[in-house]
Each structure stands twice: as structure tokens, then as C-alpha cells.
Amino acid sequence: MRVAFIVQRCGLEVNGGAETHCLKIAQRMAKYWDTEILTTCALDYMTWKNHYSPGLTEVSGVKVRRFLVGQQRDVDKFNHLSAKIHPRLSKVALKEQEQWMRSQGPLAPDLITYIKQNEQEYDAFIFFPYLYATTYFALPIVANKAYLAPCAHDEWPIYLSMWDSFFEKPRGFIFNTLEEKKFLKNRFPTINFQGPIAGIALDKPPTHDPENFRQKYKIDEPFILYVGRIDPSKGCEELFRYFIQLRSLEFTTRKLVLLGKPTMSIPSHPDIINLGFVDEQTKWNALAACDLLVMPSPYESLSIVLLEAWAVGKPVLVNGNCDVLVGQCRRAQGGLWYTNEDEFQVAIEKMEEPIRNQLGLQGKEFVAANYTWSKIEKTYLEFISGLEKL
């Protein structure tokens, strides 16, 4: 089978969950299919500015075909349009919704044209995720061969009515978690969400060196780790506020270490250390060195970094307003959650070393039992190849 994966960005420098997920799945499934990723030339998800050269290249052993973005996103204009639409979700005309989607982007006309002209060259098209123009405008063109990994969660755009007909189009769905599938069934009760829960497995390096990380960055104190895009939509403003308040009440020392690209200002505080975007080995060394991982995002369909923290035996602390994160923690018995500042403080106080070790061990056993590539590859192979034979 020849299978195309469609995602808004793709590259080793891309710091995004859905994009990383798509690349890893395409990479693994290349053992069974002729896989190719169709994407844009963008690197920055805020502006969609063309960064990579258009054309065919290779990323992590996977063929990647990039197309130019037709216009950059005007962030102020997009935010203004979102602010206009958000309060009146049930009353927005389809034309205005699609205007919002064009503003959301990324719009790559040559990508749309390529899919139209080459539909017969591929046996299946797998789209990641639902929210961007690369999926919304391209999937309907190849609906009879289209599969969607929605990466969906409870956020305001999914309540736009344009999704009611859109989610009827894919041939099948591939979900990240039980909570994601349940949420979509509640949001779209008339749609038959045929498809398995697959998730992702981890490519853990052979070794990780916590002492190397501490020495390299001169961090001697206990620390909480955050990995991901440093962005208000990821709950980072709240995290900073809660952490600074926690430090004002504590007599012991503690740091908050950030790994990821910032899209917002980071408070100037002696206990907040921003290391920016780091390589994979450094990330794994940091996970092995931290006391616990914090994930403050209220919107997730699957948190890969939670699985990574558990893989090295570290507990997690997550936003209790995110059903997916809480569900992951419950099933793994690998972490705690909070819904306000007081609960944040109490959770950290409760996570003394014996509790941290126990939660981390339970998380490690959960990942080893449920998130292996052999299981996930089998799920994709049986589902996609099986449906194609019908």
C-alpha cells in the first residue's frame, strides 16, 4: 500500500505533539507501507512563514513532500476574528466559519492541487489533526480514502457547526485515548466513530544521564520540569503564577525548569529556568533528573511527555480540568492532578520521595504494558489495511 500522511508542519525542529506523532507513525509504518508525509514549508505555527524549501526531502528516514504556504497568518487579525466568533458559536454562518479556518491556516494551495491530481496514486490518506486548514480543506477531496487522527479535545473551535458535516466524511478514525473517543461521541452523537484507540509508543534512547544534565546546566536543587511549547494555551501563565506563589510559601529550595520554545514572556524569577528548545538526549536526561513532570495544559488528546516521564520512572502532576490527562494518570496510577492554586501546592507537598518513587514505578509499568510499537503498528496495520480490502 502507498499511504500519505497529511499534517500542517513536519521537521526535526518542529515542537508540536500532533506533528511529532504523525512523523513517528509514518516512520514506523514504513516497514509495511510505502509512506510519505504531505505538509507545508512552515516551521513557526504562529505565522506559518515558509521556512523549509518546497519539494521532496527526507526526515528521519521518511519521505516528506513540502508545499509553500500561500499566505502567512496575521496573528492579530486571527485573534480578533476568534474573539468575534467565540461568544456566538451557535449563530456563526458557515461562510464566516470557513473564513476563520482560512485565517487559522496554514493554506497551501499547491498541496490541495497535488492531492486532487494524485488521489489515484495513494491507497489511503491519514490526516493529523482535525483543527487546521490542511485537514479541513484537503480531507473532503479524498474522503473515500481518508482516515482522521483527530487529536481532539474540549476546546471552543470544535463546537463550530462546520465540523458536524466534516466529521461525517472520513472512512475511519484513529484515536489517542478513550477520553478523546468518548468526547467526540458526545459532541457528535449521530456519527459512527469507527476506529481503534492506538496512541503512540516511545523511542527512548539507550541511556539517560541525570547527572550530566545537572552539571551541564548547573542545577543542584530539586526541580519540577515542564516540556513543551511555552504558551498561554498550554496553561503556562497559570503554572508560573502557581509556582511563584508556592515558592513564596516554601522554606526549602526548588526550581521550575522549562524545555521548549516560548511564544510568551516568561516571568523573571530566580527559581524559573528557561533552557529553550533542546535535543532529544538532553530532554531525556532532564526527565531522568527531575523530581516530577508538570503538565498544566487544559487541552490534550494524548500527552506524549507524560509517557516519557513514566518511562524513566518519574511521577507527573497535571491539570485536573483536562479529562484526558486525568484519565491517563488514573489508568497509570502515575500522578496527581490539581484544579486550583491550593491543590497545586498540596499535591507538590504530598509528593515526598517515597510517594514519587511509587507513582513513578506504577507509571513505568503502565507504559511498558500498553505503549509498545509492536501493538501500535499492529493496530494501524489491521485497521487501515483491513478496511482497504473491503
Protein backbone atom coordinates (compact mmCIF):
# COMPACT_ATOMS: atom_id res chain seq x y z
CA MET A 1 0.00 0.00 0.00
CA ARG A 2 1.05 3.57 -0.66
CA VAL A 3 -0.11 5.78 2.22
CA ALA A 4 0.09 9.57 2.56
CA PHE A 5 0.11 11.27 5.95
CA ILE A 6 -1.05 14.89 5.93
CA VAL A 7 0.00 17.27 8.71
CA GLN A 8 0.46 21.05 8.96
CA ARG A 9 4.23 21.01 9.70
CA CYS A 10 6.99 18.42 9.64
CA GLY A 11 10.64 18.69 10.61
CA LEU A 12 13.12 17.77 13.31
CA GLU A 13 12.86 21.33 14.67
CA VAL A 14 9.07 21.23 14.88
CA ASN A 15 7.96 21.28 18.52
CA GLY A 16 4.38 20.05 18.34
CA GLY A 17 2.57 16.98 19.65
CA ALA A 18 0.44 16.14 16.60
CA GLU A 19 3.33 16.80 14.22
CA THR A 20 5.72 14.57 16.21
CA HIS A 21 3.03 11.90 16.47
CA CYS A 22 2.43 11.92 12.72
CA LEU A 23 6.14 11.68 11.89
CA LYS A 24 6.72 8.78 14.29
CA ILE A 25 3.73 6.80 12.99
CA ALA A 26 4.77 7.35 9.36
CA GLN A 27 8.30 6.29 10.27
CA ARG A 28 7.17 3.06 11.94
CA MET A 29 4.59 2.13 9.31
CA ALA A 30 7.19 2.49 6.54
CA LYS A 31 8.13 -1.10 7.43
CA TYR A 32 4.78 -2.23 5.98
CA TRP A 33 3.67 0.53 3.59
CA ASP A 34 5.21 2.98 1.15
CA THR A 35 4.70 6.04 3.38
CA GLU A 36 5.02 9.72 2.58
CA ILE A 37 4.19 12.88 4.52
CA LEU A 38 2.47 15.73 2.69
CA THR A 39 2.93 19.01 4.53
CA THR A 40 3.78 22.70 4.26
CA CYS A 41 7.08 24.60 4.30
CA ALA A 42 6.18 26.23 7.64
CA LEU A 43 8.14 25.91 10.88
CA ASP A 44 6.54 28.60 13.06
CA TYR A 45 2.95 27.67 13.92
CA MET A 46 2.02 31.26 14.77
CA THR A 47 2.76 32.85 11.38
CA TRP A 48 3.16 29.81 9.08
CA LYS A 49 6.09 31.62 7.48
CA ASN A 50 7.77 29.47 4.83
CA HIS A 51 10.99 28.11 6.31
CA TYR A 52 11.77 24.86 4.53
CA SER A 53 12.29 24.50 0.79
CA PRO A 54 9.37 23.08 -1.20
CA GLY A 55 9.65 19.65 -2.78
CA LEU A 56 10.56 16.13 -1.81
CA THR A 57 13.04 15.50 1.01
CA GLU A 58 13.57 13.03 3.83
CA VAL A 59 13.08 13.44 7.60
CA SER A 60 14.06 10.62 9.97
CA GLY A 61 14.03 8.18 7.05
CA VAL A 62 10.52 9.21 5.91
CA LYS A 63 9.77 10.82 2.55
CA VAL A 64 8.38 14.33 3.14
CA ARG A 65 6.84 16.39 0.35
CA ARG A 66 6.53 20.07 1.31
CA PHE A 67 4.39 22.78 -0.30
CA LEU A 68 4.63 26.56 0.05
CA VAL A 69 2.19 28.35 2.36
CA GLY A 70 0.23 30.82 0.23
CA GLN A 71 -0.08 33.48 2.91
CA GLN A 72 1.30 33.97 6.38
CA ARG A 73 -1.08 34.16 9.32
CA ASP A 74 -1.83 37.64 10.57
CA VAL A 75 -1.92 36.76 14.27
CA ASP A 76 -3.70 39.96 15.38
CA LYS A 77 -6.34 39.57 12.67
CA PHE A 78 -6.82 35.90 13.55
CA ASN A 79 -7.16 36.66 17.26
CA HIS A 80 -9.68 39.41 16.50
CA LEU A 81 -11.71 37.05 14.31
CA SER A 82 -11.60 34.36 17.01
CA ALA A 83 -12.79 36.85 19.62
CA LYS A 84 -15.74 37.76 17.36
CA ILE A 85 -16.75 34.15 16.71
CA HIS A 86 -16.18 32.54 20.11
CA PRO A 87 -19.10 34.17 22.01
CA ARG A 88 -21.70 33.24 19.35
CA LEU A 89 -20.70 29.74 18.29
CA SER A 90 -24.25 28.58 17.58
CA LYS A 91 -25.02 31.56 15.33
CA VAL A 92 -21.95 31.79 13.09
CA ALA A 93 -22.68 31.29 9.38
CA LEU A 94 -20.67 28.65 7.52
CA LYS A 95 -19.05 31.33 5.35
CA GLU A 96 -17.69 33.11 8.43
CA GLN A 97 -16.53 29.83 9.97
CA GLU A 98 -14.58 28.97 6.83
CA GLN A 99 -13.14 32.48 6.79
CA TRP A 100 -11.89 31.74 10.32
CA MET A 101 -10.40 28.44 9.13
CA ARG A 102 -8.58 30.20 6.26
CA SER A 103 -7.22 32.70 8.77
CA GLN A 104 -6.21 29.82 11.06
CA GLY A 105 -4.27 28.22 8.20
CA PRO A 106 -1.93 27.04 7.01
CA LEU A 107 -3.23 27.49 3.47
CA ALA A 108 -1.09 25.72 0.89
CA PRO A 109 -2.89 25.81 -2.49
CA ASP A 110 -0.28 23.60 -4.17
CA LEU A 111 -0.85 20.93 -1.52
CA ILE A 112 -4.58 20.91 -2.28
CA THR A 113 -3.87 20.73 -6.02
CA TYR A 114 -1.39 17.90 -5.55
CA ILE A 115 -3.89 15.83 -3.56
CA LYS A 116 -6.59 16.43 -6.19
CA GLN A 117 -4.30 15.44 -9.04
CA ASN A 118 -2.69 12.44 -7.34
CA GLU A 119 -5.57 10.83 -5.46
CA GLN A 120 -5.26 7.64 -7.52
CA GLU A 121 -1.57 7.31 -6.65
CA TYR A 122 -2.32 6.58 -2.99
CA ASP A 123 -4.33 3.82 -1.32
CA ALA A 124 -5.04 5.81 1.85
CA PHE A 125 -4.66 9.33 3.29
CA ILE A 126 -4.21 9.72 7.07
CA PHE A 127 -4.77 13.24 8.39
CA PHE A 128 -3.35 14.70 11.64
CA PRO A 129 -5.09 16.58 13.41
CA TYR A 130 -8.63 17.90 12.76
CA LEU A 131 -8.08 21.59 13.59
CA TYR A 132 -6.05 23.03 10.71
CA ALA A 133 -6.72 24.12 7.14
CA THR A 134 -4.50 21.33 5.76
CA THR A 135 -7.08 18.86 7.08
CA TYR A 136 -10.33 20.81 6.73
CA PHE A 137 -9.89 21.69 3.04
CA ALA A 138 -8.00 18.59 1.86
CA LEU A 139 -9.74 15.66 3.57
CA PRO A 140 -13.09 16.05 1.75
CA ILE A 141 -11.29 15.76 -1.60
CA VAL A 142 -10.25 12.18 -0.80
CA ALA A 143 -12.98 11.29 1.71
CA ASN A 144 -13.42 7.73 0.41
CA LYS A 145 -9.74 7.03 1.22
CA ALA A 146 -9.40 9.34 4.22
CA TYR A 147 -8.68 8.44 7.84
CA LEU A 148 -8.52 11.03 10.59
CA ALA A 149 -6.46 11.09 13.77
CA PRO A 150 -8.44 13.99 15.28
CA CYS A 151 -6.23 14.75 18.32
CA ALA A 152 -9.44 16.36 19.60
CA HIS A 153 -10.27 17.78 22.99
CA ASP A 154 -12.82 20.06 24.62
CA GLU A 155 -11.89 23.43 23.11
CA TRP A 156 -14.20 26.08 21.71
CA PRO A 157 -13.47 25.66 17.94
CA ILE A 158 -14.81 22.09 17.91
CA TYR A 159 -18.28 23.47 18.71
CA LEU A 160 -18.43 25.30 15.36
CA SER A 161 -21.16 23.76 13.24
CA MET A 162 -18.86 23.24 10.23
CA TRP A 163 -17.44 20.18 11.98
CA ASP A 164 -20.87 18.47 12.04
CA SER A 165 -20.67 17.58 8.35
CA PHE A 166 -16.86 17.38 8.27
CA PHE A 167 -16.68 14.54 10.82
CA GLU A 168 -19.12 12.51 8.71
CA LYS A 169 -16.63 12.35 5.83
CA PRO A 170 -13.65 10.18 6.94
CA ARG A 171 -13.68 6.47 6.19
CA GLY A 172 -12.38 5.81 9.69
CA PHE A 173 -10.80 7.34 12.78
CA ILE A 174 -7.73 6.60 14.88
CA PHE A 175 -7.92 7.85 18.47
CA ASN A 176 -5.29 8.66 21.06
CA THR A 177 -7.22 7.87 24.22
CA LEU A 178 -10.51 6.50 25.48
CA GLU A 179 -11.40 10.02 26.70
CA GLU A 180 -10.91 11.50 23.23
CA LYS A 181 -13.24 8.95 21.62
CA LYS A 182 -15.85 9.44 24.35
CA PHE A 183 -15.70 13.21 23.99
CA LEU A 184 -16.21 13.05 20.23
CA LYS A 185 -19.14 10.64 20.59
CA ASN A 186 -20.79 13.11 22.98
CA ARG A 187 -20.06 16.08 20.71
CA PHE A 188 -21.29 14.32 17.54
CA PRO A 189 -23.89 11.77 18.73
CA THR A 190 -25.11 10.86 15.24
CA ILE A 191 -21.68 9.95 13.85
CA ASN A 192 -20.33 6.41 13.92
CA PHE A 193 -16.77 6.86 15.12
CA GLN A 194 -15.39 3.65 13.69
CA GLY A 195 -11.79 3.10 14.65
CA PRO A 196 -9.34 1.92 17.29
CA ILE A 197 -7.51 3.65 20.13
CA ALA A 198 -3.87 3.50 19.09
CA GLY A 199 -1.83 6.22 20.76
CA ILE A 200 1.94 6.22 20.31
CA ALA A 201 5.00 4.42 21.64
CA LEU A 202 8.30 5.90 22.69
CA ASP A 203 11.75 5.99 21.12
CA LYS A 204 13.71 6.11 24.36
CA PRO A 205 17.50 6.45 23.98
CA PRO A 206 19.61 3.53 25.23
CA THR A 207 20.83 5.56 28.21
CA HIS A 208 19.95 8.77 30.05
CA ASP A 209 22.26 10.70 32.33
CA PRO A 210 20.62 12.85 35.01
CA GLU A 211 23.95 13.98 36.45
CA ASN A 212 25.13 15.16 33.05
CA PHE A 213 22.04 17.36 32.81
CA ARG A 214 22.51 18.83 36.29
CA GLN A 215 26.20 19.55 35.71
CA LYS A 216 25.71 20.97 32.23
CA TYR A 217 23.11 23.49 33.42
CA LYS A 218 24.44 23.92 36.99
CA ILE A 219 21.18 22.81 38.64
CA ASP A 220 21.82 21.35 42.09
CA GLU A 221 18.36 21.89 43.61
CA PRO A 222 15.28 19.65 43.30
CA PHE A 223 13.26 20.73 40.27
CA ILE A 224 9.90 20.41 38.56
CA LEU A 225 10.15 20.00 34.80
CA TYR A 226 7.91 21.37 32.04
CA VAL A 227 8.44 20.13 28.48
CA GLY A 228 6.57 21.61 25.54
CA ARG A 229 5.57 24.84 23.90
CA ILE A 230 5.63 27.67 26.44
CA ASP A 231 2.29 29.19 25.57
CA PRO A 232 -0.79 30.54 27.39
CA SER A 233 -2.97 27.93 25.65
CA LYS A 234 -0.82 25.25 27.31
CA GLY A 235 -1.62 26.61 30.79
CA CYS A 236 1.80 28.20 31.26
CA GLU A 237 0.56 31.54 32.63
CA GLU A 238 -1.28 29.71 35.39
CA LEU A 239 1.71 27.43 36.02
CA PHE A 240 4.04 30.40 36.50
CA ARG A 241 1.58 32.09 38.85
CA TYR A 242 1.07 28.95 40.93
CA PHE A 243 4.77 28.16 41.10
CA ILE A 244 5.79 31.68 42.15
CA GLN A 245 3.16 31.62 44.89
CA LEU A 246 4.39 28.18 46.01
CA ARG A 247 7.96 29.45 46.26
CA SER A 248 6.84 32.40 48.38
CA LEU A 249 5.50 29.91 50.95
CA GLU A 250 8.31 27.35 50.90
CA PHE A 251 11.42 27.32 53.08
CA THR A 252 13.14 24.62 51.01
CA THR A 253 14.75 25.19 47.61
CA ARG A 254 13.05 24.21 44.35
CA LYS A 255 13.34 25.19 40.69
CA LEU A 256 10.96 25.09 37.71
CA VAL A 257 12.89 24.11 34.57
CA LEU A 258 11.34 24.80 31.16
CA LEU A 259 12.24 22.97 27.94
CA GLY A 260 10.56 24.29 24.81
CA LYS A 261 10.05 27.23 22.52
CA PRO A 262 8.41 30.24 24.20
CA THR A 263 5.60 32.14 22.48
CA MET A 264 5.00 34.32 25.56
CA SER A 265 7.08 36.26 28.07
CA ILE A 266 8.48 34.20 30.94
CA PRO A 267 8.49 35.78 34.41
CA SER A 268 11.88 36.91 35.66
CA HIS A 269 12.24 34.81 38.79
CA PRO A 270 15.37 33.24 40.33
CA ASP A 271 13.72 29.82 40.52
CA ILE A 272 12.38 29.69 36.94
CA ILE A 273 15.00 28.43 34.45
CA ASN A 274 14.20 28.56 30.74
CA LEU A 275 16.53 26.37 28.66
CA GLY A 276 14.64 26.76 25.37
CA PHE A 277 14.42 24.05 22.73
CA VAL A 278 16.86 21.19 23.42
CA ASP A 279 17.84 17.99 21.64
CA GLU A 280 16.22 14.63 22.42
CA GLN A 281 19.06 13.30 24.56
CA THR A 282 19.06 16.43 26.72
CA LYS A 283 15.28 16.13 27.15
CA TRP A 284 15.57 12.52 28.34
CA ASN A 285 18.44 13.46 30.68
CA ALA A 286 16.22 16.21 32.13
CA LEU A 287 13.32 13.80 32.63
CA ALA A 288 15.61 11.41 34.47
CA ALA A 289 16.96 14.26 36.64
CA CYS A 290 13.70 15.95 37.66
CA ASP A 291 11.61 15.25 40.75
CA LEU A 292 8.41 15.31 38.74
CA LEU A 293 6.97 16.49 35.44
CA VAL A 294 4.20 19.09 35.37
CA MET A 295 1.65 19.30 32.53
CA PRO A 296 -0.60 22.36 33.05
CA SER A 297 -2.42 22.18 29.70
CA PRO A 298 -6.24 22.15 29.89
CA TYR A 299 -6.48 20.77 26.33
CA GLU A 300 -4.81 17.50 25.32
CA SER A 301 -5.83 14.42 23.34
CA LEU A 302 -2.75 12.48 24.48
CA SER A 303 0.33 13.75 26.32
CA ILE A 304 3.42 12.04 24.94
CA VAL A 305 5.65 13.70 27.52
CA LEU A 306 3.65 12.04 30.33
CA LEU A 307 4.50 8.67 28.79
CA GLU A 308 8.15 9.74 28.53
CA ALA A 309 8.28 10.78 32.19
CA TRP A 310 6.75 7.46 33.25
CA ALA A 311 9.17 5.57 31.01
CA VAL A 312 12.04 6.81 33.21
CA GLY A 313 10.07 6.23 36.42
CA LYS A 314 9.08 9.83 37.18
CA PRO A 315 5.66 10.90 38.50
CA VAL A 316 3.56 13.65 36.95
CA LEU A 317 1.33 16.48 38.09
CA VAL A 318 -1.39 17.50 35.61
CA ASN A 319 -4.22 19.96 35.13
CA GLY A 320 -7.31 18.35 36.66
CA ASN A 321 -9.56 20.22 34.23
CA CYS A 322 -8.27 18.07 31.36
CA ASP A 323 -10.16 14.75 31.29
CA VAL A 324 -7.53 13.13 29.06
CA LEU A 325 -4.63 13.91 31.40
CA VAL A 326 -6.58 12.83 34.47
CA GLY A 327 -7.63 9.64 32.65
CA GLN A 328 -4.02 8.88 31.77
CA CYS A 329 -2.99 9.40 35.41
CA ARG A 330 -5.83 7.23 36.75
CA ARG A 331 -5.06 4.33 34.41
CA ALA A 332 -1.32 4.56 35.02
CA GLN A 333 -1.64 5.37 38.74
CA GLY A 334 1.37 7.52 37.93
CA GLY A 335 0.50 11.02 39.09
CA LEU A 336 -1.72 13.58 40.78
CA TRP A 337 -3.81 16.46 39.46
CA TYR A 338 -4.94 19.91 40.55
CA THR A 339 -7.75 22.30 39.63
CA ASN A 340 -6.66 25.40 41.55
CA GLU A 341 -3.67 27.00 43.28
CA ASP A 342 -4.29 25.37 46.66
CA GLU A 343 -4.49 21.88 45.12
CA PHE A 344 -1.28 22.58 43.17
CA GLN A 345 0.54 23.38 46.39
CA VAL A 346 -0.90 20.44 48.32
CA ALA A 347 -0.08 17.98 45.52
CA ILE A 348 3.56 19.05 45.47
CA GLU A 349 3.75 18.93 49.28
CA LYS A 350 2.30 15.39 49.25
CA MET A 351 4.79 14.15 46.68
CA GLU A 352 7.57 13.29 49.08
CA GLU A 353 10.24 10.90 47.79
CA PRO A 354 8.54 7.56 48.70
CA ILE A 355 5.29 8.64 47.02
CA ARG A 356 7.15 10.00 43.99
CA ASN A 357 9.03 6.72 43.63
CA GLN A 358 5.84 4.63 43.91
CA LEU A 359 3.91 6.75 41.39
CA GLY A 360 6.87 6.72 39.01
CA LEU A 361 7.22 2.94 39.23
CA GLN A 362 3.49 2.42 38.55
CA GLY A 363 3.70 4.76 35.56
CA LYS A 364 6.71 2.90 34.22
CA GLU A 365 4.89 -0.44 34.41
CA PHE A 366 1.83 1.08 32.68
CA VAL A 367 3.86 2.40 29.73
CA ALA A 368 5.73 -0.89 29.34
CA ALA A 369 2.45 -2.81 29.21
CA ASN A 370 0.42 -0.51 26.95
CA TYR A 371 2.59 1.69 24.75
CA THR A 372 4.79 -0.55 22.64
CA TRP A 373 5.42 -0.10 18.92
CA SER A 374 4.51 -3.70 18.15
CA LYS A 375 0.98 -3.14 19.50
CA ILE A 376 0.52 0.21 17.77
CA GLU A 377 1.88 -0.97 14.42
CA LYS A 378 -0.47 -3.96 14.56
CA THR A 379 -3.42 -1.63 15.29
CA TYR A 380 -2.69 0.61 12.29
CA LEU A 381 -1.93 -2.30 10.00
CA GLU A 382 -5.09 -4.25 10.82
CA PHE A 383 -7.36 -1.21 10.75
CA ILE A 384 -6.16 0.59 7.60
CA SER A 385 -5.19 -2.44 5.56
CA GLY A 386 -8.29 -4.32 6.70
CA LEU A 387 -10.68 -1.57 5.63
CA GLU A 388 -8.89 -1.14 2.31
CA LYS A 389 -9.67 -4.79 1.49
CA LEU A 390 -13.42 -4.29 1.96
